[in-house]
Amino acid sequence: MKGERRTTPGKKVYDVLMNPEMNEDFVRVSKAGKRAYYPASQESRFKKADGGYVEGYHYLQNSLVKNKTAIESKMVEVAAKAIDQVLKKR
């Protein structure tokens, strides 16, 4: 996760990214030498050679929905630890 600049005071936005060190594992190169980023082509739909489309599999979206409660719990836990650290410094 990469922290982005705050858009609203007290709020921090994170961008979920693939590990840059593993970029070559996620890039597919065609016989013509064109590069395709594998996760993007799997998450959203992509165009076939005949002009049709293959609908995406929505792995990330589905995993977020299925794990919503666990994600929320972890966010609260991390926030509580950060608050405790600030209060201990006082």
PDB file of N, CA and C in Angstrom:
ATOM      1  N   MET A   1       0.843  -1.168   0.000  1.00  0.00           N
ATOM      2  CA  MET A   1       0.000   0.000   0.000  1.00  0.00           C
ATOM      3  C   MET A   1       0.889   1.233   0.000  1.00  0.00           C
ATOM      4  N   LYS A   2       0.461   2.210  -0.743  1.00  0.00           N
ATOM      5  CA  LYS A   2       1.217   3.453  -0.836  1.00  0.00           C
ATOM      6  C   LYS A   2       0.336   4.582  -0.320  1.00  0.00           C
ATOM      7  N   GLY A   3       0.819   5.295   0.675  1.00  0.00           N
ATOM      8  CA  GLY A   3       0.064   6.410   1.225  1.00  0.00           C
ATOM      9  C   GLY A   3       0.063   7.585   0.271  1.00  0.00           C
ATOM     10  N   GLU A   4      -1.095   8.128   0.042  1.00  0.00           N
ATOM     11  CA  GLU A   4      -1.229   9.305  -0.809  1.00  0.00           C
ATOM     12  C   GLU A   4      -1.361  10.533   0.076  1.00  0.00           C
ATOM     13  N   ARG A   5      -1.263  11.695  -0.527  1.00  0.00           N
ATOM     14  CA  ARG A   5      -1.413  12.912   0.275  1.00  0.00           C
ATOM     15  C   ARG A   5      -2.834  13.019   0.803  1.00  0.00           C
ATOM     16  N   ARG A   6      -2.979  13.697   1.904  1.00  0.00           N
ATOM     17  CA  ARG A   6      -4.293  13.843   2.510  1.00  0.00           C
ATOM     18  C   ARG A   6      -5.153  14.766   1.669  1.00  0.00           C
ATOM     19  N   THR A   7      -6.383  14.389   1.466  1.00  0.00           N
ATOM     20  CA  THR A   7      -7.321  15.240   0.745  1.00  0.00           C
ATOM     21  C   THR A   7      -8.191  16.016   1.727  1.00  0.00           C
ATOM     22  N   THR A   8      -8.387  15.467   2.890  1.00  0.00           N
ATOM     23  CA  THR A   8      -9.174  16.084   3.943  1.00  0.00           C
ATOM     24  C   THR A   8      -8.386  15.942   5.239  1.00  0.00           C
ATOM     25  N   PRO A   9      -8.290  16.995   6.030  1.00  0.00           N
ATOM     26  CA  PRO A   9      -7.560  16.862   7.301  1.00  0.00           C
ATOM     27  C   PRO A   9      -8.092  15.687   8.121  1.00  0.00           C
ATOM     28  N   GLY A  10      -7.166  14.868   8.632  1.00  0.00           N
ATOM     29  CA  GLY A  10      -7.544  13.703   9.426  1.00  0.00           C
ATOM     30  C   GLY A  10      -7.865  12.471   8.598  1.00  0.00           C
ATOM     31  N   LYS A  11      -7.748  12.582   7.286  1.00  0.00           N
ATOM     32  CA  LYS A  11      -8.063  11.447   6.423  1.00  0.00           C
ATOM     33  C   LYS A  11      -6.850  11.157   5.537  1.00  0.00           C
ATOM     34  N   LYS A  12      -6.464   9.894   5.462  1.00  0.00           N
ATOM     35  CA  LYS A  12      -5.358   9.508   4.600  1.00  0.00           C
ATOM     36  C   LYS A  12      -5.871   8.467   3.614  1.00  0.00           C
ATOM     37  N   VAL A  13      -5.471   8.592   2.382  1.00  0.00           N
ATOM     38  CA  VAL A  13      -5.921   7.697   1.324  1.00  0.00           C
ATOM     39  C   VAL A  13      -4.746   6.813   0.923  1.00  0.00           C
ATOM     40  N   TYR A  14      -5.024   5.519   0.734  1.00  0.00           N
ATOM     41  CA  TYR A  14      -3.991   4.581   0.311  1.00  0.00           C
ATOM     42  C   TYR A  14      -4.321   4.034  -1.067  1.00  0.00           C
ATOM     43  N   ASP A  15      -3.288   3.851  -1.854  1.00  0.00           N
ATOM     44  CA  ASP A  15      -3.422   3.226  -3.163  1.00  0.00           C
ATOM     45  C   ASP A  15      -2.848   1.817  -3.030  1.00  0.00           C
ATOM     46  N   VAL A  16      -3.622   0.808  -3.386  1.00  0.00           N
ATOM     47  CA  VAL A  16      -3.160  -0.575  -3.301  1.00  0.00           C
ATOM     48  C   VAL A  16      -2.467  -0.919  -4.609  1.00  0.00           C
ATOM     49  N   LEU A  17      -1.195  -1.270  -4.525  1.00  0.00           N
ATOM     50  CA  LEU A  17      -0.387  -1.527  -5.719  1.00  0.00           C
ATOM     51  C   LEU A  17       0.258  -2.903  -5.643  1.00  0.00           C
ATOM     52  N   MET A  18       0.658  -3.405  -6.786  1.00  0.00           N
ATOM     53  CA  MET A  18       1.442  -4.630  -6.839  1.00  0.00           C
ATOM     54  C   MET A  18       2.865  -4.300  -6.410  1.00  0.00           C
ATOM     55  N   ASN A  19       3.591  -5.283  -5.906  1.00  0.00           N
ATOM     56  CA  ASN A  19       4.975  -5.100  -5.499  1.00  0.00           C
ATOM     57  C   ASN A  19       5.821  -4.786  -6.739  1.00  0.00           C
ATOM     58  N   PRO A  20       6.439  -3.587  -6.816  1.00  0.00           N
ATOM     59  CA  PRO A  20       7.225  -3.217  -7.993  1.00  0.00           C
ATOM     60  C   PRO A  20       8.382  -4.169  -8.277  1.00  0.00           C
ATOM     61  N   GLU A  21       8.903  -4.830  -7.235  1.00  0.00           N
ATOM     62  CA  GLU A  21      10.005  -5.760  -7.433  1.00  0.00           C
ATOM     63  C   GLU A  21       9.561  -7.011  -8.198  1.00  0.00           C
ATOM     64  N   MET A  22       8.255  -7.266  -8.230  1.00  0.00           N
ATOM     65  CA  MET A  22       7.729  -8.444  -8.921  1.00  0.00           C
ATOM     66  C   MET A  22       7.068  -8.073 -10.249  1.00  0.00           C
ATOM     67  N   ASN A  23       7.357  -6.879 -10.749  1.00  0.00           N
ATOM     68  CA  ASN A  23       6.701  -6.390 -11.958  1.00  0.00           C
ATOM     69  C   ASN A  23       6.855  -7.352 -13.137  1.00  0.00           C
ATOM     70  N   GLU A  24       8.033  -7.907 -13.292  1.00  0.00           N
ATOM     71  CA  GLU A  24       8.260  -8.813 -14.429  1.00  0.00           C
ATOM     72  C   GLU A  24       7.397 -10.073 -14.342  1.00  0.00           C
ATOM     73  N   ASP A  25       6.992 -10.455 -13.135  1.00  0.00           N
ATOM     74  CA  ASP A  25       6.122 -11.618 -12.975  1.00  0.00           C
ATOM     75  C   ASP A  25       4.692 -11.333 -13.444  1.00  0.00           C
ATOM     76  N   PHE A  26       4.314 -10.063 -13.466  1.00  0.00           N
ATOM     77  CA  PHE A  26       2.952  -9.693 -13.811  1.00  0.00           C
ATOM     78  C   PHE A  26       2.793  -9.169 -15.234  1.00  0.00           C
ATOM     79  N   VAL A  27       3.893  -9.039 -15.955  1.00  0.00           N
ATOM     80  CA  VAL A  27       3.836  -8.523 -17.313  1.00  0.00           C
ATOM     81  C   VAL A  27       3.962  -9.679 -18.300  1.00  0.00           C
ATOM     82  N   ARG A  28       3.042  -9.709 -19.259  1.00  0.00           N
ATOM     83  CA  ARG A  28       3.095 -10.721 -20.306  1.00  0.00           C
ATOM     84  C   ARG A  28       3.499 -10.025 -21.598  1.00  0.00           C
ATOM     85  N   VAL A  29       4.438 -10.612 -22.321  1.00  0.00           N
ATOM     86  CA  VAL A  29       4.888 -10.047 -23.585  1.00  0.00           C
ATOM     87  C   VAL A  29       4.400 -10.951 -24.707  1.00  0.00           C
ATOM     88  N   SER A  30       3.700 -10.353 -25.671  1.00  0.00           N
ATOM     89  CA  SER A  30       3.169 -11.131 -26.798  1.00  0.00           C
ATOM     90  C   SER A  30       4.280 -11.438 -27.795  1.00  0.00           C
ATOM     91  N   LYS A  31       3.973 -12.294 -28.783  1.00  0.00           N
ATOM     92  CA  LYS A  31       4.958 -12.624 -29.827  1.00  0.00           C
ATOM     93  C   LYS A  31       5.357 -11.387 -30.606  1.00  0.00           C
ATOM     94  N   ALA A  32       4.439 -10.416 -30.699  1.00  0.00           N
ATOM     95  CA  ALA A  32       4.717  -9.168 -31.420  1.00  0.00           C
ATOM     96  C   ALA A  32       5.517  -8.185 -30.567  1.00  0.00           C
ATOM     97  N   GLY A  33       5.779  -8.540 -29.304  1.00  0.00           N
ATOM     98  CA  GLY A  33       6.565  -7.688 -28.428  1.00  0.00           C
ATOM     99  C   GLY A  33       5.743  -6.698 -27.609  1.00  0.00           C
ATOM    100  N   LYS A  34       4.425  -6.789 -27.678  1.00  0.00           N
ATOM    101  CA  LYS A  34       3.578  -5.886 -26.888  1.00  0.00           C
ATOM    102  C   LYS A  34       3.490  -6.392 -25.459  1.00  0.00           C
ATOM    103  N   ARG A  35       3.541  -5.458 -24.521  1.00  0.00           N
ATOM    104  CA  ARG A  35       3.478  -5.801 -23.096  1.00  0.00           C
ATOM    105  C   ARG A  35       2.052  -5.612 -22.593  1.00  0.00           C
ATOM    106  N   ALA A  36       1.570  -6.569 -21.811  1.00  0.00           N
ATOM    107  CA  ALA A  36       0.244  -6.480 -21.193  1.00  0.00           C
ATOM    108  C   ALA A  36       0.412  -6.746 -19.705  1.00  0.00           C
ATOM    109  N   TYR A  37      -0.152  -5.892 -18.897  1.00  0.00           N
ATOM    110  CA  TYR A  37      -0.055  -6.036 -17.453  1.00  0.00           C
ATOM    111  C   TYR A  37      -1.116  -7.035 -17.012  1.00  0.00           C
ATOM    112  N   TYR A  38      -0.711  -8.200 -16.575  1.00  0.00           N
ATOM    113  CA  TYR A  38      -1.607  -9.311 -16.289  1.00  0.00           C
ATOM    114  C   TYR A  38      -2.738  -8.976 -15.323  1.00  0.00           C
ATOM    115  N   PRO A  39      -2.474  -8.414 -14.138  1.00  0.00           N
ATOM    116  CA  PRO A  39      -3.591  -8.158 -13.217  1.00  0.00           C
ATOM    117  C   PRO A  39      -4.657  -7.242 -13.796  1.00  0.00           C
ATOM    118  N   ALA A  40      -4.250  -6.222 -14.540  1.00  0.00           N
ATOM    119  CA  ALA A  40      -5.236  -5.312 -15.122  1.00  0.00           C
ATOM    120  C   ALA A  40      -6.104  -6.038 -16.138  1.00  0.00           C
ATOM    121  N   SER A  41      -5.518  -6.917 -16.916  1.00  0.00           N
ATOM    122  CA  SER A  41      -6.300  -7.634 -17.924  1.00  0.00           C
ATOM    123  C   SER A  41      -7.213  -8.677 -17.293  1.00  0.00           C
ATOM    124  N   GLN A  42      -6.876  -9.153 -16.117  1.00  0.00           N
ATOM    125  CA  GLN A  42      -7.716 -10.134 -15.437  1.00  0.00           C
ATOM    126  C   GLN A  42      -8.816  -9.472 -14.620  1.00  0.00           C
ATOM    127  N   GLU A  43      -8.519  -8.321 -14.054  1.00  0.00           N
ATOM    128  CA  GLU A  43      -9.495  -7.638 -13.204  1.00  0.00           C
ATOM    129  C   GLU A  43     -10.607  -6.999 -14.024  1.00  0.00           C
ATOM    130  N   SER A  44     -10.249  -6.352 -15.115  1.00  0.00           N
ATOM    131  CA  SER A  44     -11.254  -5.709 -15.953  1.00  0.00           C
ATOM    132  C   SER A  44     -11.334  -6.445 -17.288  1.00  0.00           C
ATOM    133  N   ARG A  45     -12.331  -6.130 -18.059  1.00  0.00           N
ATOM    134  CA  ARG A  45     -12.507  -6.864 -19.324  1.00  0.00           C
ATOM    135  C   ARG A  45     -11.403  -6.531 -20.320  1.00  0.00           C
ATOM    136  N   PHE A  46     -11.213  -7.410 -21.277  1.00  0.00           N
ATOM    137  CA  PHE A  46     -10.217  -7.158 -22.298  1.00  0.00           C
ATOM    138  C   PHE A  46     -10.744  -7.605 -23.651  1.00  0.00           C
ATOM    139  N   LYS A  47     -10.165  -7.022 -24.704  1.00  0.00           N
ATOM    140  CA  LYS A  47     -10.632  -7.251 -26.066  1.00  0.00           C
ATOM    141  C   LYS A  47      -9.944  -8.464 -26.676  1.00  0.00           C
ATOM    142  N   LYS A  48     -10.727  -9.288 -27.355  1.00  0.00           N
ATOM    143  CA  LYS A  48     -10.185 -10.463 -28.046  1.00  0.00           C
ATOM    144  C   LYS A  48      -9.801 -10.083 -29.475  1.00  0.00           C
ATOM    145  N   ALA A  49      -9.072 -10.952 -30.131  1.00  0.00           N
ATOM    146  CA  ALA A  49      -8.616 -10.692 -31.491  1.00  0.00           C
ATOM    147  C   ALA A  49      -9.784 -10.530 -32.469  1.00  0.00           C
ATOM    148  N   ASP A  50     -10.904 -11.235 -32.225  1.00  0.00           N
ATOM    149  CA  ASP A  50     -12.049 -11.148 -33.132  1.00  0.00           C
ATOM    150  C   ASP A  50     -12.923  -9.920 -32.878  1.00  0.00           C
ATOM    151  N   GLY A  51     -12.512  -9.055 -31.941  1.00  0.00           N
ATOM    152  CA  GLY A  51     -13.267  -7.835 -31.658  1.00  0.00           C
ATOM    153  C   GLY A  51     -14.210  -7.951 -30.478  1.00  0.00           C
ATOM    154  N   GLY A  52     -14.466  -9.166 -30.005  1.00  0.00           N
ATOM    155  CA  GLY A  52     -15.326  -9.352 -28.836  1.00  0.00           C
ATOM    156  C   GLY A  52     -14.581  -9.058 -27.552  1.00  0.00           C
ATOM    157  N   TYR A  53     -15.273  -9.142 -26.449  1.00  0.00           N
ATOM    158  CA  TYR A  53     -14.671  -8.873 -25.153  1.00  0.00           C
ATOM    159  C   TYR A  53     -14.818 -10.064 -24.224  1.00  0.00           C
ATOM    160  N   VAL A  54     -13.846 -10.211 -23.337  1.00  0.00           N
ATOM    161  CA  VAL A  54     -13.908 -11.200 -22.272  1.00  0.00           C
ATOM    162  C   VAL A  54     -14.097 -10.412 -20.985  1.00  0.00           C
ATOM    163  N   GLU A  55     -15.171 -10.711 -20.257  1.00  0.00           N
ATOM    164  CA  GLU A  55     -15.459  -9.993 -19.019  1.00  0.00           C
ATOM    165  C   GLU A  55     -14.380 -10.309 -17.982  1.00  0.00           C
ATOM    166  N   GLY A  56     -14.044  -9.331 -17.169  1.00  0.00           N
ATOM    167  CA  GLY A  56     -13.021  -9.501 -16.141  1.00  0.00           C
ATOM    168  C   GLY A  56     -13.477 -10.435 -15.034  1.00  0.00           C
ATOM    169  N   TYR A  57     -12.519 -10.913 -14.264  1.00  0.00           N
ATOM    170  CA  TYR A  57     -12.812 -11.858 -13.193  1.00  0.00           C
ATOM    171  C   TYR A  57     -13.010 -11.168 -11.842  1.00  0.00           C
ATOM    172  N   HIS A  58     -12.609  -9.907 -11.725  1.00  0.00           N
ATOM    173  CA  HIS A  58     -12.833  -9.088 -10.530  1.00  0.00           C
ATOM    174  C   HIS A  58     -12.290  -9.731  -9.255  1.00  0.00           C
ATOM    175  N   TYR A  59     -11.083 -10.285  -9.335  1.00  0.00           N
ATOM    176  CA  TYR A  59     -10.477 -10.927  -8.172  1.00  0.00           C
ATOM    177  C   TYR A  59     -10.334  -9.958  -7.003  1.00  0.00           C
ATOM    178  N   LEU A  60      -9.766  -8.779  -7.262  1.00  0.00           N
ATOM    179  CA  LEU A  60      -9.535  -7.822  -6.194  1.00  0.00           C
ATOM    180  C   LEU A  60     -10.855  -7.318  -5.624  1.00  0.00           C
ATOM    181  N   GLN A  61     -11.780  -6.956  -6.495  1.00  0.00           N
ATOM    182  CA  GLN A  61     -13.081  -6.468  -6.035  1.00  0.00           C
ATOM    183  C   GLN A  61     -13.794  -7.522  -5.184  1.00  0.00           C
ATOM    184  N   ASN A  62     -13.813  -8.761  -5.654  1.00  0.00           N
ATOM    185  CA  ASN A  62     -14.486  -9.831  -4.905  1.00  0.00           C
ATOM    186  C   ASN A  62     -13.805 -10.102  -3.570  1.00  0.00           C
ATOM    187  N   SER A  63     -12.471 -10.067  -3.550  1.00  0.00           N
ATOM    188  CA  SER A  63     -11.765 -10.336  -2.296  1.00  0.00           C
ATOM    189  C   SER A  63     -12.014  -9.219  -1.283  1.00  0.00           C
ATOM    190  N   LEU A  64     -12.147  -7.989  -1.762  1.00  0.00           N
ATOM    191  CA  LEU A  64     -12.451  -6.885  -0.851  1.00  0.00           C
ATOM    192  C   LEU A  64     -13.843  -7.036  -0.256  1.00  0.00           C
ATOM    193  N   VAL A  65     -14.805  -7.412  -1.075  1.00  0.00           N
ATOM    194  CA  VAL A  65     -16.179  -7.587  -0.599  1.00  0.00           C
ATOM    195  C   VAL A  65     -16.258  -8.742   0.403  1.00  0.00           C
ATOM    196  N   LYS A  66     -15.615  -9.864   0.075  1.00  0.00           N
ATOM    197  CA  LYS A  66     -15.666 -11.046   0.943  1.00  0.00           C
ATOM    198  C   LYS A  66     -14.957 -10.826   2.276  1.00  0.00           C
ATOM    199  N   ASN A  67     -13.961  -9.949   2.296  1.00  0.00           N
ATOM    200  CA  ASN A  67     -13.155  -9.734   3.499  1.00  0.00           C
ATOM    201  C   ASN A  67     -13.427  -8.388   4.163  1.00  0.00           C
ATOM    202  N   LYS A  68     -14.566  -7.800   3.878  1.00  0.00           N
ATOM    203  CA  LYS A  68     -14.892  -6.466   4.379  1.00  0.00           C
ATOM    204  C   LYS A  68     -14.765  -6.372   5.901  1.00  0.00           C
ATOM    205  N   THR A  69     -15.326  -7.313   6.622  1.00  0.00           N
ATOM    206  CA  THR A  69     -15.291  -7.272   8.085  1.00  0.00           C
ATOM    207  C   THR A  69     -13.855  -7.371   8.610  1.00  0.00           C
ATOM    208  N   ALA A  70     -13.072  -8.274   8.052  1.00  0.00           N
ATOM    209  CA  ALA A  70     -11.676  -8.426   8.484  1.00  0.00           C
ATOM    210  C   ALA A  70     -10.866  -7.171   8.170  1.00  0.00           C
ATOM    211  N   ILE A  71     -11.117  -6.576   7.022  1.00  0.00           N
ATOM    212  CA  ILE A  71     -10.402  -5.352   6.634  1.00  0.00           C
ATOM    213  C   ILE A  71     -10.761  -4.214   7.584  1.00  0.00           C
ATOM    214  N   GLU A  72     -12.047  -4.063   7.867  1.00  0.00           N
ATOM    215  CA  GLU A  72     -12.481  -3.007   8.790  1.00  0.00           C
ATOM    216  C   GLU A  72     -11.871  -3.212  10.180  1.00  0.00           C
ATOM    217  N   SER A  73     -11.843  -4.453  10.658  1.00  0.00           N
ATOM    218  CA  SER A  73     -11.263  -4.752  11.970  1.00  0.00           C
ATOM    219  C   SER A  73      -9.784  -4.385  12.013  1.00  0.00           C
ATOM    220  N   LYS A  74      -9.062  -4.715  10.956  1.00  0.00           N
ATOM    221  CA  LYS A  74      -7.630  -4.405  10.894  1.00  0.00           C
ATOM    222  C   LYS A  74      -7.405  -2.898  10.862  1.00  0.00           C
ATOM    223  N   MET A  75      -8.243  -2.174  10.133  1.00  0.00           N
ATOM    224  CA  MET A  75      -8.121  -0.720  10.067  1.00  0.00           C
ATOM    225  C   MET A  75      -8.331  -0.096  11.446  1.00  0.00           C
ATOM    226  N   VAL A  76      -9.329  -0.586  12.176  1.00  0.00           N
ATOM    227  CA  VAL A  76      -9.597  -0.075  13.520  1.00  0.00           C
ATOM    228  C   VAL A  76      -8.427  -0.409  14.447  1.00  0.00           C
ATOM    229  N   GLU A  77      -7.889  -1.623  14.332  1.00  0.00           N
ATOM    230  CA  GLU A  77      -6.757  -2.041  15.164  1.00  0.00           C
ATOM    231  C   GLU A  77      -5.545  -1.145  14.917  1.00  0.00           C
ATOM    232  N   VAL A  78      -5.223  -0.894  13.660  1.00  0.00           N
ATOM    233  CA  VAL A  78      -4.068  -0.051  13.317  1.00  0.00           C
ATOM    234  C   VAL A  78      -4.290   1.381  13.810  1.00  0.00           C
ATOM    235  N   ALA A  79      -5.503   1.889  13.617  1.00  0.00           N
ATOM    236  CA  ALA A  79      -5.808   3.249  14.084  1.00  0.00           C
ATOM    237  C   ALA A  79      -5.709   3.339  15.601  1.00  0.00           C
ATOM    238  N   ALA A  80      -6.217   2.337  16.310  1.00  0.00           N
ATOM    239  CA  ALA A  80      -6.168   2.339  17.777  1.00  0.00           C
ATOM    240  C   ALA A  80      -4.720   2.327  18.268  1.00  0.00           C
ATOM    241  N   LYS A  81      -3.859   1.537  17.635  1.00  0.00           N
ATOM    242  CA  LYS A  81      -2.446   1.503  18.030  1.00  0.00           C
ATOM    243  C   LYS A  81      -1.792   2.863  17.816  1.00  0.00           C
ATOM    244  N   ALA A  82      -2.107   3.513  16.698  1.00  0.00           N
ATOM    245  CA  ALA A  82      -1.533   4.823  16.396  1.00  0.00           C
ATOM    246  C   ALA A  82      -2.001   5.859  17.416  1.00  0.00           C
ATOM    247  N   ILE A  83      -3.258   5.796  17.778  1.00  0.00           N
ATOM    248  CA  ILE A  83      -3.797   6.721  18.785  1.00  0.00           C
ATOM    249  C   ILE A  83      -3.130   6.475  20.136  1.00  0.00           C
ATOM    250  N   ASP A  84      -2.974   5.209  20.518  1.00  0.00           N
ATOM    251  CA  ASP A  84      -2.316   4.864  21.779  1.00  0.00           C
ATOM    252  C   ASP A  84      -0.886   5.390  21.825  1.00  0.00           C
ATOM    253  N   GLN A  85      -0.172   5.298  20.717  1.00  0.00           N
ATOM    254  CA  GLN A  85       1.210   5.789  20.670  1.00  0.00           C
ATOM    255  C   GLN A  85       1.257   7.296  20.869  1.00  0.00           C
ATOM    256  N   VAL A  86       0.326   8.007  20.255  1.00  0.00           N
ATOM    257  CA  VAL A  86       0.273   9.457  20.409  1.00  0.00           C
ATOM    258  C   VAL A  86      -0.035   9.828  21.853  1.00  0.00           C
ATOM    259  N   LEU A  87      -0.994   9.123  22.450  1.00  0.00           N
ATOM    260  CA  LEU A  87      -1.374   9.422  23.829  1.00  0.00           C
ATOM    261  C   LEU A  87      -0.266   9.091  24.825  1.00  0.00           C
ATOM    262  N   LYS A  88       0.524   8.055  24.550  1.00  0.00           N
ATOM    263  CA  LYS A  88       1.636   7.685  25.438  1.00  0.00           C
ATOM    264  C   LYS A  88       2.725   8.754  25.436  1.00  0.00           C
ATOM    265  N   LYS A  89       2.871   9.459  24.316  1.00  0.00           N
ATOM    266  CA  LYS A  89       3.911  10.506  24.213  1.00  0.00           C
ATOM    267  C   LYS A  89       3.562  11.721  25.057  1.00  0.00           C
ATOM    268  N   ARG A  90       2.300  11.878  25.395  1.00  0.00           N
ATOM    269  CA  ARG A  90       1.874  13.059  26.172  1.00  0.00           C
ATOM    270  C   ARG A  90       2.224  12.900  27.579  1.00  0.00           C
TER     271      ARG A  90
END
